[in-house]
Protein backbone atom coordinates (compact mmCIF):
# COMPACT_ATOMS: atom_id res chain seq x y z
CA MET A 1 -12.74 20.38 11.60
CA LYS A 2 -13.73 20.62 7.95
CA PHE A 3 -11.55 18.65 5.66
CA GLN A 4 -9.23 20.82 3.55
CA SER A 5 -7.26 20.20 0.38
CA LYS A 6 -5.35 22.20 -2.26
CA ALA A 7 -3.87 19.15 -3.80
CA ARG A 8 -4.41 16.45 -6.42
CA VAL A 9 -2.80 13.23 -7.52
CA THR A 10 -1.38 13.97 -10.91
CA ALA A 11 0.74 11.02 -11.93
CA LEU A 12 1.10 7.25 -11.14
CA GLY A 13 3.58 4.45 -11.87
CA ALA A 14 4.57 1.04 -10.67
CA TYR A 15 6.96 -1.77 -11.03
CA VAL A 16 7.05 -5.55 -10.03
CA PRO A 17 10.06 -7.90 -10.35
CA GLU A 18 10.32 -10.39 -13.18
CA LYS A 19 10.51 -13.63 -11.08
CA LYS A 20 7.13 -15.24 -10.42
CA LEU A 21 6.33 -17.62 -7.57
CA THR A 22 3.13 -19.61 -8.47
CA ASN A 23 0.82 -21.67 -6.31
CA GLN A 24 2.22 -24.76 -8.17
CA ASP A 25 5.73 -23.70 -7.13
CA LEU A 26 4.53 -23.47 -3.50
CA GLU A 27 3.05 -26.95 -3.66
CA LYS A 28 6.60 -28.20 -3.99
CA MET A 29 7.83 -26.17 -1.05
CA VAL A 30 5.24 -26.62 1.65
CA ASP A 31 2.05 -28.59 2.46
CA THR A 32 -0.54 -26.70 0.33
CA ASN A 33 -2.16 -26.68 -2.99
CA ASP A 34 -3.46 -24.31 -5.54
CA GLU A 35 -7.14 -24.82 -4.84
CA TRP A 36 -6.71 -24.18 -1.18
CA ILE A 37 -4.76 -21.03 -1.73
CA VAL A 38 -7.09 -19.55 -4.29
CA GLN A 39 -10.23 -20.40 -2.29
CA ARG A 40 -8.83 -18.73 0.91
CA THR A 41 -6.94 -15.79 -0.54
CA GLY A 42 -7.63 -15.32 -4.29
CA ILE A 43 -3.79 -15.35 -4.99
CA THR A 44 -2.60 -17.36 -7.90
CA GLU A 45 1.05 -15.99 -8.21
CA ARG A 46 3.33 -13.37 -6.71
CA ARG A 47 6.49 -11.55 -7.74
CA LEU A 48 9.86 -12.03 -6.00
CA SER A 49 12.87 -9.64 -6.03
CA ALA A 50 16.20 -11.03 -7.07
CA GLU A 51 18.81 -11.68 -4.48
CA ASP A 52 20.60 -8.51 -5.19
CA GLU A 53 17.35 -6.48 -5.73
CA PHE A 54 16.07 -4.31 -2.89
CA VAL A 55 13.37 -1.87 -2.02
CA THR A 56 15.17 1.16 -3.61
CA ASP A 57 15.72 -0.78 -6.79
CA LEU A 58 12.06 -1.40 -7.13
CA ALA A 59 11.23 2.19 -6.10
CA VAL A 60 13.49 3.75 -8.74
CA LYS A 61 11.88 1.67 -11.44
CA ALA A 62 8.40 2.64 -10.29
CA VAL A 63 9.31 6.27 -10.50
CA GLU A 64 10.83 5.68 -13.93
CA ASN A 65 7.52 4.07 -15.05
CA LEU A 66 5.56 7.07 -13.63
CA VAL A 67 7.68 9.51 -15.67
CA GLU A 68 7.34 7.40 -18.80
CA ARG A 69 3.54 7.23 -18.36
CA PHE A 70 2.99 10.81 -17.14
CA PRO A 71 5.92 12.91 -18.43
CA THR A 72 6.72 15.29 -15.58
CA ASN A 73 9.74 17.25 -14.33
CA LEU A 74 11.33 15.72 -11.25
CA SER A 75 13.60 18.69 -10.59
CA ASP A 76 10.79 20.60 -8.86
CA ILE A 77 9.86 17.83 -6.46
CA ASP A 78 10.33 19.46 -3.00
CA LEU A 79 9.53 16.28 -0.82
CA ILE A 80 9.94 12.46 -1.28
CA ILE A 81 7.97 10.24 0.96
CA ALA A 82 8.79 6.60 0.94
CA ALA A 83 6.36 4.15 2.60
CA THR A 84 7.84 0.80 3.47
CA ILE A 85 8.51 -1.85 6.10
CA THR A 86 11.49 -3.41 4.29
CA PRO A 87 14.07 -0.58 4.01
CA ASP A 88 17.55 -1.38 2.66
CA TYR A 89 19.16 0.16 5.71
CA VAL A 90 18.22 1.44 9.13
CA THR A 91 19.78 4.59 7.92
CA PRO A 92 19.98 6.32 5.33
CA SER A 93 16.23 6.25 4.67
CA VAL A 94 14.83 4.80 1.49
CA ALA A 95 13.79 8.27 0.33
CA ALA A 96 17.35 9.51 0.83
CA VAL A 97 18.79 6.68 -1.21
CA ILE A 98 16.24 7.32 -4.02
CA HIS A 99 17.15 11.01 -3.83
CA GLY A 100 20.79 10.15 -4.45
CA ARG A 101 20.14 7.63 -7.13
CA MET A 102 17.78 9.88 -9.12
CA ASP A 103 19.68 13.14 -8.94
CA PHE A 104 17.00 15.26 -7.10
CA PRO A 105 18.04 18.81 -6.16
CA GLU A 106 19.50 19.37 -2.65
CA THR A 107 16.39 21.35 -1.91
CA THR A 108 14.30 18.33 -1.89
CA GLY A 109 13.26 16.93 1.51
CA VAL A 110 13.10 13.19 2.25
CA MET A 111 11.33 11.01 4.74
CA ASP A 112 10.35 7.38 5.25
CA LEU A 113 7.04 6.44 6.65
CA ASN A 114 6.23 3.02 8.24
CA SER A 115 2.49 2.31 8.59
CA ALA A 116 2.80 -1.22 6.97
CA CYS A 117 -0.21 -1.98 4.68
CA ALA A 118 -1.71 1.46 5.26
CA GLY A 119 1.54 3.25 4.33
CA PHE A 120 0.59 4.38 0.82
CA VAL A 121 -2.64 5.97 2.10
CA TYR A 122 -0.93 7.63 5.13
CA ALA A 123 1.67 8.88 2.69
CA LEU A 124 -1.15 10.55 0.58
CA GLN A 125 -2.55 12.16 3.67
CA VAL A 126 0.81 13.55 4.63
CA ALA A 127 1.44 14.81 1.05
CA ASN A 128 -1.98 16.48 0.93
CA ALA A 129 -1.35 18.18 4.38
CA MET A 130 2.07 19.44 3.13
CA VAL A 131 0.77 20.81 0.03
CA THR A 132 -2.45 22.31 1.46
CA SER A 133 -0.44 24.03 4.34
CA GLY A 134 1.87 25.59 1.76
CA GLN A 135 5.02 23.78 2.89
CA SER A 136 5.23 21.86 -0.41
CA ARG A 137 4.03 22.24 -3.90
CA LYS A 138 4.96 18.84 -5.45
CA VAL A 139 5.45 15.68 -3.54
CA LEU A 140 6.63 12.30 -4.78
CA ILE A 141 5.16 9.34 -2.98
CA ILE A 142 6.69 5.91 -3.29
CA ALA A 143 5.30 2.69 -1.71
CA ALA A 144 7.68 -0.22 -2.09
CA GLU A 145 8.23 -3.64 -0.48
CA VAL A 146 10.50 -6.68 -0.70
CA LEU A 147 8.48 -8.87 1.61
CA SER A 148 10.11 -12.08 0.17
CA LYS A 149 13.28 -11.13 2.09
CA ILE A 150 11.45 -11.29 5.48
CA THR A 151 9.13 -14.25 4.64
CA ASP A 152 9.77 -17.79 6.06
CA TYR A 153 9.25 -20.06 3.11
CA SER A 154 8.86 -23.05 5.45
CA ASP A 155 5.73 -21.41 7.01
CA ARG A 156 2.77 -22.34 4.92
CA ASN A 157 0.46 -19.90 6.61
CA THR A 158 2.57 -16.88 5.59
CA CYS A 159 4.56 -17.85 2.51
CA ILE A 160 1.52 -18.23 0.32
CA LEU A 161 0.66 -14.63 0.88
CA PHE A 162 3.44 -12.12 0.27
CA GLY A 163 5.14 -10.73 -2.75
CA ASP A 164 7.36 -7.81 -3.82
CA GLY A 165 6.37 -4.60 -5.77
CA ALA A 166 6.40 -0.90 -5.81
CA GLY A 167 4.22 2.05 -6.73
CA ALA A 168 4.79 5.72 -7.03
CA ALA A 169 2.52 8.78 -7.22
CA ILE A 170 2.80 12.56 -7.45
CA VAL A 171 0.72 14.86 -5.38
CA GLU A 172 0.84 18.56 -6.32
CA LEU A 173 -0.80 21.98 -5.80
CA ASP A 174 -4.22 22.49 -7.49
CA GLU A 175 -6.17 25.10 -5.67
CA GLU A 176 -9.01 25.33 -8.23
CA ASN A 177 -9.66 21.58 -8.56
CA PRO A 178 -8.39 19.74 -5.47
CA GLY A 179 -8.71 15.99 -5.72
CA PHE A 180 -8.67 15.00 -2.11
CA LEU A 181 -12.17 14.94 -0.75
CA GLY A 182 -11.88 13.31 2.72
CA SER A 183 -9.69 11.10 4.96
CA TYR A 184 -9.71 9.02 8.01
CA TYR A 185 -7.24 7.00 10.16
CA GLY A 186 -6.88 5.02 13.36
CA SER A 187 -4.92 2.27 15.07
CA ASN A 188 -4.86 -0.47 17.68
CA GLY A 189 -1.27 -0.67 18.97
CA LYS A 190 -2.17 -3.07 21.71
CA ALA A 191 -2.63 -5.72 19.02
CA GLY A 192 0.68 -5.09 17.38
CA ASN A 193 1.91 -8.58 18.35
CA LYS A 194 -0.71 -10.04 15.81
CA LEU A 195 1.33 -8.90 12.83
CA TYR A 196 5.15 -8.19 13.24
CA CYS A 197 8.64 -8.61 12.10
CA THR A 198 11.39 -8.09 14.76
CA ASN A 199 14.52 -5.89 14.08
CA ILE A 200 16.73 -4.55 16.80
CA SER A 201 14.42 -5.14 19.72
CA LYS A 202 13.02 -8.67 20.53
CA LYS A 203 10.87 -7.47 23.31
CA ILE A 204 7.48 -7.45 21.62
CA GLU A 205 5.03 -9.54 23.60
CA LYS A 206 4.85 -12.60 21.37
CA GLU A 207 2.38 -15.47 21.68
CA ASP A 208 4.89 -17.83 19.96
CA PRO A 209 8.40 -17.37 21.38
CA GLU A 210 9.78 -19.49 18.53
CA VAL A 211 8.92 -16.85 15.91
CA VAL A 212 11.57 -14.19 15.92
CA ASP A 213 13.25 -13.13 12.65
CA TYR A 214 10.56 -13.51 9.99
CA LEU A 215 7.20 -11.91 9.32
CA TYR A 216 4.69 -13.30 11.65
CA GLN A 217 0.81 -13.03 11.28
CA ASP A 218 -1.98 -14.24 13.35
CA GLY A 219 -4.30 -14.51 10.34
CA ARG A 220 -7.54 -14.98 12.34
CA ALA A 221 -6.82 -12.11 14.71
CA VAL A 222 -6.09 -9.77 11.85
CA TYR A 223 -9.07 -10.87 9.85
CA THR A 224 -11.24 -10.16 12.90
CA PHE A 225 -9.73 -6.72 13.39
CA VAL A 226 -10.25 -5.83 9.68
CA ILE A 227 -13.85 -7.04 9.46
CA ARG A 228 -14.80 -5.17 12.77
CA THR A 229 -12.83 -2.00 12.06
CA VAL A 230 -12.68 -1.23 8.36
CA PRO A 231 -16.22 -1.11 7.32
CA ALA A 232 -17.27 1.17 10.20
CA SER A 233 -14.21 3.40 9.52
CA VAL A 234 -15.06 3.65 5.80
CA GLN A 235 -18.54 4.65 6.74
CA LYS A 236 -17.15 7.40 9.13
CA MET A 237 -14.83 8.63 6.40
CA LEU A 238 -17.72 8.86 3.92
CA LEU A 239 -20.00 10.62 6.48
CA GLU A 240 -17.35 13.11 7.52
CA SER A 241 -16.67 13.86 3.79
CA ASP A 242 -20.43 14.30 3.09
CA ILE A 243 -20.14 11.53 0.42
CA THR A 244 -22.26 8.44 0.18
CA ALA A 245 -21.35 4.96 -0.87
CA GLU A 246 -23.38 5.52 -4.07
CA ASP A 247 -21.11 8.39 -4.94
CA ILE A 248 -18.04 6.18 -5.02
CA ASP A 249 -17.05 4.71 -8.47
CA TRP A 250 -14.23 2.53 -7.22
CA PHE A 251 -13.31 0.97 -3.86
CA VAL A 252 -9.59 0.36 -3.53
CA PRO A 253 -8.87 -1.68 -0.33
CA HIS A 254 -5.53 -3.04 0.73
CA SER A 255 -5.22 -6.27 -1.33
CA ALA A 256 -4.66 -8.74 1.54
CA ASN A 257 -7.35 -11.39 0.88
CA LEU A 258 -10.24 -11.56 -1.59
CA ARG A 259 -12.59 -13.13 0.93
CA MET A 260 -11.83 -10.26 3.30
CA ILE A 261 -12.37 -7.66 0.57
CA GLN A 262 -15.67 -9.34 -0.46
CA SER A 263 -16.89 -9.13 3.19
CA ILE A 264 -15.91 -5.52 3.63
CA GLY A 265 -17.67 -4.63 0.35
CA ASP A 266 -20.85 -6.52 1.32
CA LYS A 267 -20.98 -4.47 4.51
CA LEU A 268 -20.54 -1.33 2.67
CA GLY A 269 -22.72 -1.93 -0.26
CA PHE A 270 -19.94 -2.07 -2.81
CA ARG A 271 -20.28 -4.55 -5.57
CA ARG A 272 -17.37 -6.93 -6.17
CA GLU A 273 -16.66 -5.44 -9.64
CA GLN A 274 -16.23 -2.01 -7.96
CA ALA A 275 -13.20 -3.23 -5.99
CA LEU A 276 -9.81 -2.67 -7.55
CA THR A 277 -7.18 -5.27 -6.43
CA SER A 278 -3.81 -6.32 -7.12
CA LEU A 279 -3.26 -9.50 -5.13
CA GLU A 280 -4.37 -12.13 -7.78
CA ASN A 281 -1.09 -11.92 -9.69
CA PHE A 282 1.19 -9.89 -7.18
CA GLY A 283 0.18 -11.38 -3.86
CA ASN A 284 0.09 -9.15 -0.67
CA THR A 285 2.68 -6.50 -1.16
CA SER A 286 1.78 -4.57 1.94
CA SER A 287 2.02 -0.72 1.30
CA ALA A 288 2.29 -1.34 -2.51
CA THR A 289 -0.95 -3.07 -3.06
CA ILE A 290 -3.12 -0.05 -3.38
CA PRO A 291 -0.96 1.81 -6.01
CA LEU A 292 -0.48 -1.40 -7.91
CA ALA A 293 -4.31 -1.87 -8.06
CA LEU A 294 -4.63 1.66 -9.41
CA TRP A 295 -1.88 1.05 -11.90
CA LEU A 296 -3.53 -2.11 -13.15
CA ALA A 297 -6.87 -0.34 -13.43
CA LEU A 298 -5.31 2.53 -15.28
CA ASN A 299 -3.56 0.15 -17.73
CA GLU A 300 -6.94 -1.67 -18.27
CA GLY A 301 -8.77 1.66 -18.95
CA LYS A 302 -11.03 1.48 -16.01
CA LEU A 303 -10.18 4.81 -14.38
CA LYS A 304 -11.89 7.79 -15.97
CA ARG A 305 -11.41 11.49 -15.15
CA GLY A 306 -13.84 12.57 -12.43
CA ASP A 307 -14.13 9.09 -10.88
CA LYS A 308 -14.46 9.05 -7.08
CA LEU A 309 -12.25 6.57 -5.41
CA ALA A 310 -12.34 5.35 -1.74
CA LEU A 311 -8.88 4.07 -0.87
CA TYR A 312 -8.48 2.10 2.43
CA GLY A 313 -5.28 0.49 3.86
CA PHE A 314 -5.08 -1.69 6.90
CA GLY A 315 -2.52 -3.96 8.47
CA GLY A 316 0.53 -4.13 10.79
CA GLY A 317 0.45 -1.91 13.69
CA LEU A 318 -2.43 -2.58 13.68
CA THR A 319 -3.07 0.56 11.57
CA HIS A 320 -5.71 1.65 9.17
CA ALA A 321 -6.26 4.80 7.05
CA GLY A 322 -8.39 5.95 4.14
CA VAL A 323 -8.69 8.77 1.62
CA ILE A 324 -11.30 9.75 -0.87
CA ILE A 325 -9.91 11.15 -4.08
CA GLU A 326 -11.27 12.39 -7.37
CA TRP A 327 -9.21 10.95 -10.22
């Protein structure tokens, strides 16, 4: 079926907490060092939420930043989609809490979306579908995480990776100049035990029975999944969208690991300088890495009107999803 869109991304904002956790700080906590972390991940520091700071706090500040940067009326938002794996509550949803804290009208719908590191891209796909189908005209998307609250800081394999942050975007109707040019998604749920964090149920088939309450990742298995799956999926997305890699100005992958991103880019023919990332100073913020990367590029003056961007998220689930948008 031919890809359809009547929507465009029209605004972007972000927020990261003030507290920094550097590689030098981690050297005092676990058996690791700055050189080892940088060589294997590319991360030099990450941001951590305060003890009394949660996902909705970060999300609200990201939306406030969006409005400051792209003055827009929030009273006509008809749907809020929050992408996260670290919600404040089981219920109400993060989107519902944001709705209450920011005084949206009662006609605004709310939903949370959990696709881990692919969450922001899935939210973009849902927003485009809702606007294109006519069910919405203006959708607010927020991707926010407080991964520090589910990270085991005695586990040197995971504590070096994760950080906290939030990004927000608005997708709204634009029938004359739609900005969504293509999309793709997939999953391998049978490998869900390679990256998980338990909640109510402890029944996930774990390889390590000692790992229960914190975020667990089999780094090698996830790396293998990504390298085998993502380049081929991006190629399918480009092909189905009738767009070539040469048409893409910026590649925006999930900022999980710079070595991984380099390998994906090499397979696709993207130069390293074409990749927009956020992990160097913010770490792996799961669903928030892609909007944070866009926000950084916007602040640096890299993004130009008309640029074509290939966004691709991948992670827990194991899920993956991409969109091609025109800025």
